[in-house]
Amino acid sequence: MNTSARRDCQEKQLDQTPINLFNQFLVAVKKNVHLVLALSPMSESFRANLRMFPSLVNCTTIDFYSEWPEEALLSVARVQLDASMNLGDLKEGVISMFSVLHKSVEVISVKFFDELKR
């Protein structure tokens, strides 16, 4: 924390006080921390957690995995990557990986349900 926070303070021409160092540390944490929660939307505990912690809805992205045709997955990936990235030769491989990942989640979800009945 110390080294990067000090460097950030220098770049922003801030005094290296403990408060400024801590604030720069918080900025870096907010920028870089990502958290993944995997919850079943069918359970009562999910609904209870949403009532107790409304930020689960307000401050997150909820991804529901359901079956999609492969053609649709490839189309969405192609559009998203066209708009935001230049991947060169890797582009088609990355696009197909989106489909492979989504399809593998579908397979594992069925296996999970079969084994644990949830």
N, C-alpha and C. Protein backbone atom coordinates (compact mmCIF):
# COMPACT_ATOMS: atom_id res chain seq x y z
N MET A 1 0.83 -1.19 0.00
CA MET A 1 0.00 0.00 0.00
C MET A 1 0.87 1.25 0.00
N ASN A 2 1.89 1.26 0.80
CA ASN A 2 2.68 2.48 0.97
C ASN A 2 3.29 2.98 -0.33
N THR A 3 3.92 2.08 -1.08
CA THR A 3 4.64 2.51 -2.28
C THR A 3 3.69 3.07 -3.34
N SER A 4 2.64 2.33 -3.65
CA SER A 4 1.74 2.81 -4.70
C SER A 4 0.96 4.04 -4.25
N ALA A 5 0.57 4.10 -3.00
CA ALA A 5 -0.16 5.27 -2.50
C ALA A 5 0.75 6.51 -2.52
N ARG A 6 2.00 6.33 -2.15
CA ARG A 6 2.94 7.46 -2.20
C ARG A 6 3.14 7.94 -3.65
N ARG A 7 3.28 6.98 -4.56
CA ARG A 7 3.46 7.33 -5.97
C ARG A 7 2.23 8.08 -6.50
N ASP A 8 1.04 7.60 -6.12
CA ASP A 8 -0.19 8.26 -6.56
C ASP A 8 -0.28 9.68 -6.00
N CYS A 9 0.12 9.86 -4.74
CA CYS A 9 0.12 11.21 -4.15
C CYS A 9 1.09 12.12 -4.90
N GLN A 10 2.27 11.60 -5.23
CA GLN A 10 3.24 12.41 -5.98
C GLN A 10 2.70 12.80 -7.34
N GLU A 11 2.07 11.84 -8.05
CA GLU A 11 1.53 12.12 -9.38
C GLU A 11 0.43 13.18 -9.33
N LYS A 12 -0.35 13.17 -8.25
CA LYS A 12 -1.45 14.13 -8.12
C LYS A 12 -1.03 15.38 -7.35
N GLN A 13 0.26 15.46 -7.04
CA GLN A 13 0.84 16.60 -6.32
C GLN A 13 0.11 16.86 -4.99
N LEU A 14 -0.10 15.77 -4.24
CA LEU A 14 -0.70 15.86 -2.92
C LEU A 14 0.37 15.67 -1.87
N ASP A 15 0.20 16.31 -0.71
CA ASP A 15 1.09 16.04 0.41
C ASP A 15 0.93 14.60 0.84
N GLN A 16 2.01 13.97 1.28
CA GLN A 16 1.95 12.57 1.67
C GLN A 16 1.56 12.43 3.15
N THR A 17 0.42 12.96 3.48
CA THR A 17 -0.10 12.83 4.84
C THR A 17 -0.78 11.46 4.96
N PRO A 18 -0.94 10.96 6.18
CA PRO A 18 -1.61 9.66 6.34
C PRO A 18 -3.01 9.64 5.72
N ILE A 19 -3.73 10.75 5.80
CA ILE A 19 -5.08 10.79 5.24
C ILE A 19 -5.03 10.70 3.72
N ASN A 20 -4.13 11.46 3.10
CA ASN A 20 -4.01 11.40 1.64
C ASN A 20 -3.54 10.03 1.17
N LEU A 21 -2.60 9.44 1.89
CA LEU A 21 -2.12 8.10 1.53
C LEU A 21 -3.27 7.09 1.62
N PHE A 22 -4.04 7.18 2.68
CA PHE A 22 -5.16 6.26 2.85
C PHE A 22 -6.22 6.48 1.77
N ASN A 23 -6.49 7.73 1.44
CA ASN A 23 -7.46 8.02 0.39
C ASN A 23 -7.01 7.47 -0.96
N GLN A 24 -5.71 7.59 -1.26
CA GLN A 24 -5.21 7.04 -2.52
C GLN A 24 -5.28 5.51 -2.52
N PHE A 25 -5.05 4.92 -1.36
CA PHE A 25 -5.21 3.47 -1.24
C PHE A 25 -6.66 3.07 -1.50
N LEU A 26 -7.61 3.80 -0.94
CA LEU A 26 -9.03 3.50 -1.15
C LEU A 26 -9.42 3.65 -2.62
N VAL A 27 -8.89 4.66 -3.27
CA VAL A 27 -9.18 4.85 -4.71
C VAL A 27 -8.71 3.63 -5.49
N ALA A 28 -7.52 3.14 -5.18
CA ALA A 28 -6.98 1.96 -5.88
C ALA A 28 -7.82 0.72 -5.58
N VAL A 29 -8.24 0.55 -4.34
CA VAL A 29 -9.06 -0.61 -3.97
C VAL A 29 -10.39 -0.57 -4.71
N LYS A 30 -11.05 0.59 -4.71
CA LYS A 30 -12.35 0.71 -5.39
C LYS A 30 -12.22 0.44 -6.88
N LYS A 31 -11.09 0.81 -7.44
CA LYS A 31 -10.89 0.61 -8.88
C LYS A 31 -10.61 -0.86 -9.22
N ASN A 32 -9.95 -1.58 -8.33
CA ASN A 32 -9.42 -2.90 -8.67
C ASN A 32 -10.11 -4.10 -8.03
N VAL A 33 -10.93 -3.91 -7.03
CA VAL A 33 -11.55 -5.05 -6.36
C VAL A 33 -12.83 -5.45 -7.09
N HIS A 34 -12.91 -6.71 -7.40
CA HIS A 34 -14.10 -7.27 -8.02
C HIS A 34 -14.51 -8.48 -7.20
N LEU A 35 -15.78 -8.65 -7.01
CA LEU A 35 -16.29 -9.73 -6.18
C LEU A 35 -17.35 -10.47 -6.95
N VAL A 36 -17.30 -11.79 -6.88
CA VAL A 36 -18.30 -12.61 -7.54
C VAL A 36 -19.07 -13.38 -6.48
N LEU A 37 -20.37 -13.24 -6.50
CA LEU A 37 -21.24 -14.01 -5.62
C LEU A 37 -22.06 -14.95 -6.49
N ALA A 38 -22.13 -16.19 -6.09
CA ALA A 38 -22.96 -17.15 -6.82
C ALA A 38 -24.09 -17.58 -5.90
N LEU A 39 -25.29 -17.14 -6.21
CA LEU A 39 -26.45 -17.42 -5.38
C LEU A 39 -27.56 -18.00 -6.23
N SER A 40 -28.34 -18.87 -5.62
CA SER A 40 -29.50 -19.40 -6.32
C SER A 40 -30.66 -18.44 -6.17
N PRO A 41 -31.22 -17.95 -7.27
CA PRO A 41 -32.34 -17.00 -7.16
C PRO A 41 -33.64 -17.68 -6.75
N MET A 42 -33.64 -18.99 -6.64
CA MET A 42 -34.86 -19.72 -6.31
C MET A 42 -35.06 -19.90 -4.81
N SER A 43 -34.07 -19.59 -4.01
CA SER A 43 -34.16 -19.88 -2.58
C SER A 43 -34.75 -18.72 -1.79
N GLU A 44 -35.31 -19.02 -0.65
CA GLU A 44 -35.84 -17.99 0.24
C GLU A 44 -34.71 -17.15 0.82
N SER A 45 -33.55 -17.76 1.05
CA SER A 45 -32.42 -17.00 1.60
C SER A 45 -31.96 -15.92 0.63
N PHE A 46 -32.07 -16.15 -0.67
CA PHE A 46 -31.73 -15.15 -1.67
C PHE A 46 -32.64 -13.93 -1.51
N ARG A 47 -33.94 -14.18 -1.41
CA ARG A 47 -34.88 -13.08 -1.24
C ARG A 47 -34.65 -12.34 0.08
N ALA A 48 -34.35 -13.10 1.14
CA ALA A 48 -34.08 -12.48 2.43
C ALA A 48 -32.83 -11.61 2.37
N ASN A 49 -31.78 -12.10 1.69
CA ASN A 49 -30.56 -11.31 1.56
C ASN A 49 -30.79 -10.04 0.74
N LEU A 50 -31.63 -10.12 -0.27
CA LEU A 50 -31.94 -8.92 -1.06
C LEU A 50 -32.66 -7.88 -0.21
N ARG A 51 -33.55 -8.34 0.67
CA ARG A 51 -34.25 -7.39 1.54
C ARG A 51 -33.30 -6.77 2.57
N MET A 52 -32.39 -7.59 3.11
CA MET A 52 -31.45 -7.09 4.12
C MET A 52 -30.34 -6.23 3.52
N PHE A 53 -29.94 -6.55 2.29
CA PHE A 53 -28.83 -5.85 1.65
C PHE A 53 -29.26 -5.35 0.27
N PRO A 54 -29.98 -4.24 0.21
CA PRO A 54 -30.49 -3.76 -1.08
C PRO A 54 -29.39 -3.42 -2.08
N SER A 55 -28.18 -3.21 -1.61
CA SER A 55 -27.09 -2.90 -2.55
C SER A 55 -26.75 -4.10 -3.43
N LEU A 56 -27.20 -5.30 -3.05
CA LEU A 56 -27.01 -6.46 -3.93
C LEU A 56 -27.72 -6.25 -5.26
N VAL A 57 -28.78 -5.47 -5.25
CA VAL A 57 -29.50 -5.16 -6.49
C VAL A 57 -29.04 -3.82 -7.05
N ASN A 58 -28.91 -2.83 -6.18
CA ASN A 58 -28.64 -1.46 -6.63
C ASN A 58 -27.21 -1.24 -7.12
N CYS A 59 -26.25 -1.97 -6.57
CA CYS A 59 -24.83 -1.69 -6.85
C CYS A 59 -24.11 -2.87 -7.50
N THR A 60 -24.84 -3.78 -8.09
CA THR A 60 -24.21 -4.95 -8.70
C THR A 60 -24.77 -5.20 -10.08
N THR A 61 -24.12 -6.10 -10.76
CA THR A 61 -24.61 -6.61 -12.03
C THR A 61 -25.04 -8.04 -11.78
N ILE A 62 -26.27 -8.35 -12.09
CA ILE A 62 -26.79 -9.70 -11.89
C ILE A 62 -26.82 -10.40 -13.23
N ASP A 63 -26.13 -11.52 -13.31
CA ASP A 63 -26.12 -12.33 -14.53
C ASP A 63 -26.89 -13.61 -14.26
N PHE A 64 -27.97 -13.79 -14.97
CA PHE A 64 -28.72 -15.03 -14.93
C PHE A 64 -28.32 -15.84 -16.14
N TYR A 65 -27.85 -17.05 -15.89
CA TYR A 65 -27.44 -17.91 -16.99
C TYR A 65 -28.60 -18.79 -17.39
N SER A 66 -29.05 -18.62 -18.60
CA SER A 66 -30.07 -19.50 -19.15
C SER A 66 -29.62 -19.89 -20.55
N GLU A 67 -30.31 -20.82 -21.15
CA GLU A 67 -29.88 -21.32 -22.45
C GLU A 67 -30.03 -20.25 -23.52
N TRP A 68 -29.00 -20.08 -24.30
CA TRP A 68 -28.99 -19.19 -25.45
C TRP A 68 -28.54 -20.00 -26.65
N PRO A 69 -29.07 -19.72 -27.81
CA PRO A 69 -28.55 -20.36 -29.02
C PRO A 69 -27.11 -19.89 -29.27
N GLU A 70 -26.29 -20.79 -29.75
CA GLU A 70 -24.89 -20.44 -29.98
C GLU A 70 -24.76 -19.26 -30.94
N GLU A 71 -25.61 -19.19 -31.92
CA GLU A 71 -25.58 -18.09 -32.89
C GLU A 71 -25.77 -16.74 -32.18
N ALA A 72 -26.69 -16.70 -31.22
CA ALA A 72 -26.94 -15.46 -30.47
C ALA A 72 -25.74 -15.09 -29.60
N LEU A 73 -25.14 -16.09 -28.95
CA LEU A 73 -23.96 -15.83 -28.12
C LEU A 73 -22.83 -15.24 -28.95
N LEU A 74 -22.60 -15.82 -30.12
CA LEU A 74 -21.54 -15.33 -30.99
C LEU A 74 -21.84 -13.92 -31.49
N SER A 75 -23.10 -13.66 -31.79
CA SER A 75 -23.49 -12.34 -32.28
C SER A 75 -23.27 -11.27 -31.21
N VAL A 76 -23.69 -11.55 -29.98
CA VAL A 76 -23.52 -10.58 -28.89
C VAL A 76 -22.03 -10.35 -28.64
N ALA A 77 -21.24 -11.42 -28.62
CA ALA A 77 -19.80 -11.27 -28.40
C ALA A 77 -19.17 -10.43 -29.50
N ARG A 78 -19.55 -10.69 -30.72
CA ARG A 78 -19.00 -9.96 -31.86
C ARG A 78 -19.32 -8.46 -31.76
N VAL A 79 -20.55 -8.14 -31.42
CA VAL A 79 -20.96 -6.73 -31.31
C VAL A 79 -20.20 -6.05 -30.16
N GLN A 80 -20.12 -6.71 -29.02
CA GLN A 80 -19.45 -6.11 -27.86
C GLN A 80 -17.96 -5.89 -28.13
N LEU A 81 -17.32 -6.86 -28.76
CA LEU A 81 -15.89 -6.71 -29.01
C LEU A 81 -15.62 -5.71 -30.12
N ASP A 82 -16.50 -5.60 -31.11
CA ASP A 82 -16.33 -4.60 -32.17
C ASP A 82 -16.35 -3.20 -31.59
N ALA A 83 -17.23 -2.99 -30.62
CA ALA A 83 -17.41 -1.65 -30.07
C ALA A 83 -16.27 -1.23 -29.16
N SER A 84 -15.58 -2.18 -28.53
CA SER A 84 -14.68 -1.77 -27.46
C SER A 84 -13.22 -2.17 -27.61
N MET A 85 -12.90 -3.17 -28.44
CA MET A 85 -11.52 -3.66 -28.43
C MET A 85 -10.98 -3.93 -29.83
N ASN A 86 -9.67 -3.83 -29.94
CA ASN A 86 -8.98 -4.22 -31.16
C ASN A 86 -8.11 -5.41 -30.80
N LEU A 87 -8.55 -6.62 -31.14
CA LEU A 87 -7.84 -7.83 -30.75
C LEU A 87 -7.04 -8.47 -31.88
N GLY A 88 -7.16 -7.94 -33.06
CA GLY A 88 -6.40 -8.48 -34.19
C GLY A 88 -6.74 -9.93 -34.47
N ASP A 89 -5.70 -10.76 -34.57
CA ASP A 89 -5.86 -12.19 -34.91
C ASP A 89 -6.59 -12.98 -33.83
N LEU A 90 -6.59 -12.49 -32.61
CA LEU A 90 -7.22 -13.21 -31.50
C LEU A 90 -8.73 -13.06 -31.46
N LYS A 91 -9.26 -12.15 -32.23
CA LYS A 91 -10.66 -11.76 -32.13
C LYS A 91 -11.63 -12.94 -32.25
N GLU A 92 -11.50 -13.75 -33.29
CA GLU A 92 -12.44 -14.85 -33.49
C GLU A 92 -12.34 -15.89 -32.38
N GLY A 93 -11.12 -16.13 -31.89
CA GLY A 93 -10.94 -17.06 -30.77
C GLY A 93 -11.60 -16.55 -29.50
N VAL A 94 -11.47 -15.27 -29.24
CA VAL A 94 -12.09 -14.67 -28.06
C VAL A 94 -13.62 -14.73 -28.19
N ILE A 95 -14.12 -14.44 -29.38
CA ILE A 95 -15.57 -14.49 -29.60
C ILE A 95 -16.10 -15.90 -29.36
N SER A 96 -15.42 -16.90 -29.87
CA SER A 96 -15.89 -18.28 -29.66
C SER A 96 -15.75 -18.69 -28.20
N MET A 97 -14.78 -18.12 -27.48
CA MET A 97 -14.61 -18.45 -26.06
C MET A 97 -15.81 -17.98 -25.24
N PHE A 98 -16.40 -16.84 -25.61
CA PHE A 98 -17.61 -16.39 -24.92
C PHE A 98 -18.69 -17.47 -24.99
N SER A 99 -18.88 -18.03 -26.16
CA SER A 99 -19.90 -19.06 -26.36
C SER A 99 -19.54 -20.31 -25.56
N VAL A 100 -18.28 -20.73 -25.63
CA VAL A 100 -17.84 -21.94 -24.91
C VAL A 100 -18.06 -21.77 -23.41
N LEU A 101 -17.70 -20.62 -22.86
CA LEU A 101 -17.88 -20.40 -21.42
C LEU A 101 -19.35 -20.43 -21.03
N HIS A 102 -20.19 -19.78 -21.80
CA HIS A 102 -21.61 -19.76 -21.48
C HIS A 102 -22.21 -21.17 -21.56
N LYS A 103 -21.86 -21.89 -22.59
CA LYS A 103 -22.37 -23.26 -22.75
C LYS A 103 -21.87 -24.17 -21.63
N SER A 104 -20.63 -23.99 -21.19
CA SER A 104 -20.10 -24.83 -20.11
C SER A 104 -20.81 -24.53 -18.79
N VAL A 105 -21.21 -23.28 -18.57
CA VAL A 105 -21.98 -22.94 -17.37
C VAL A 105 -23.33 -23.65 -17.41
N GLU A 106 -23.95 -23.72 -18.58
CA GLU A 106 -25.23 -24.44 -18.71
C GLU A 106 -25.06 -25.91 -18.33
N VAL A 107 -24.00 -26.54 -18.82
CA VAL A 107 -23.77 -27.96 -18.54
C VAL A 107 -23.51 -28.18 -17.06
N ILE A 108 -22.67 -27.35 -16.47
CA ILE A 108 -22.36 -27.49 -15.05
C ILE A 108 -23.59 -27.20 -14.19
N SER A 109 -24.43 -26.27 -14.60
CA SER A 109 -25.66 -25.98 -13.84
C SER A 109 -26.57 -27.20 -13.78
N VAL A 110 -26.70 -27.89 -14.91
CA VAL A 110 -27.53 -29.10 -14.94
C VAL A 110 -26.92 -30.16 -14.03
N LYS A 111 -25.61 -30.33 -14.11
CA LYS A 111 -24.91 -31.32 -13.26
C LYS A 111 -25.08 -30.96 -11.77
N PHE A 112 -24.94 -29.70 -11.45
CA PHE A 112 -25.11 -29.23 -10.08
C PHE A 112 -26.51 -29.54 -9.57
N PHE A 113 -27.52 -29.27 -10.40
CA PHE A 113 -28.90 -29.55 -10.02
C PHE A 113 -29.11 -31.05 -9.83
N ASP A 114 -28.61 -31.85 -10.74
CA ASP A 114 -28.78 -33.30 -10.66
C ASP A 114 -28.15 -33.88 -9.39
N GLU A 115 -26.98 -33.37 -9.03
CA GLU A 115 -26.26 -33.91 -7.88
C GLU A 115 -26.77 -33.37 -6.56
N LEU A 116 -27.08 -32.08 -6.49
CA LEU A 116 -27.44 -31.46 -5.20
C LEU A 116 -28.91 -31.07 -5.10
N LYS A 117 -29.65 -31.24 -6.18
CA LYS A 117 -31.09 -30.91 -6.20
C LYS A 117 -31.35 -29.46 -5.86
N ARG A 118 -30.47 -28.56 -6.29
CA ARG A 118 -30.68 -27.13 -6.15
C ARG A 118 -30.18 -26.41 -7.36
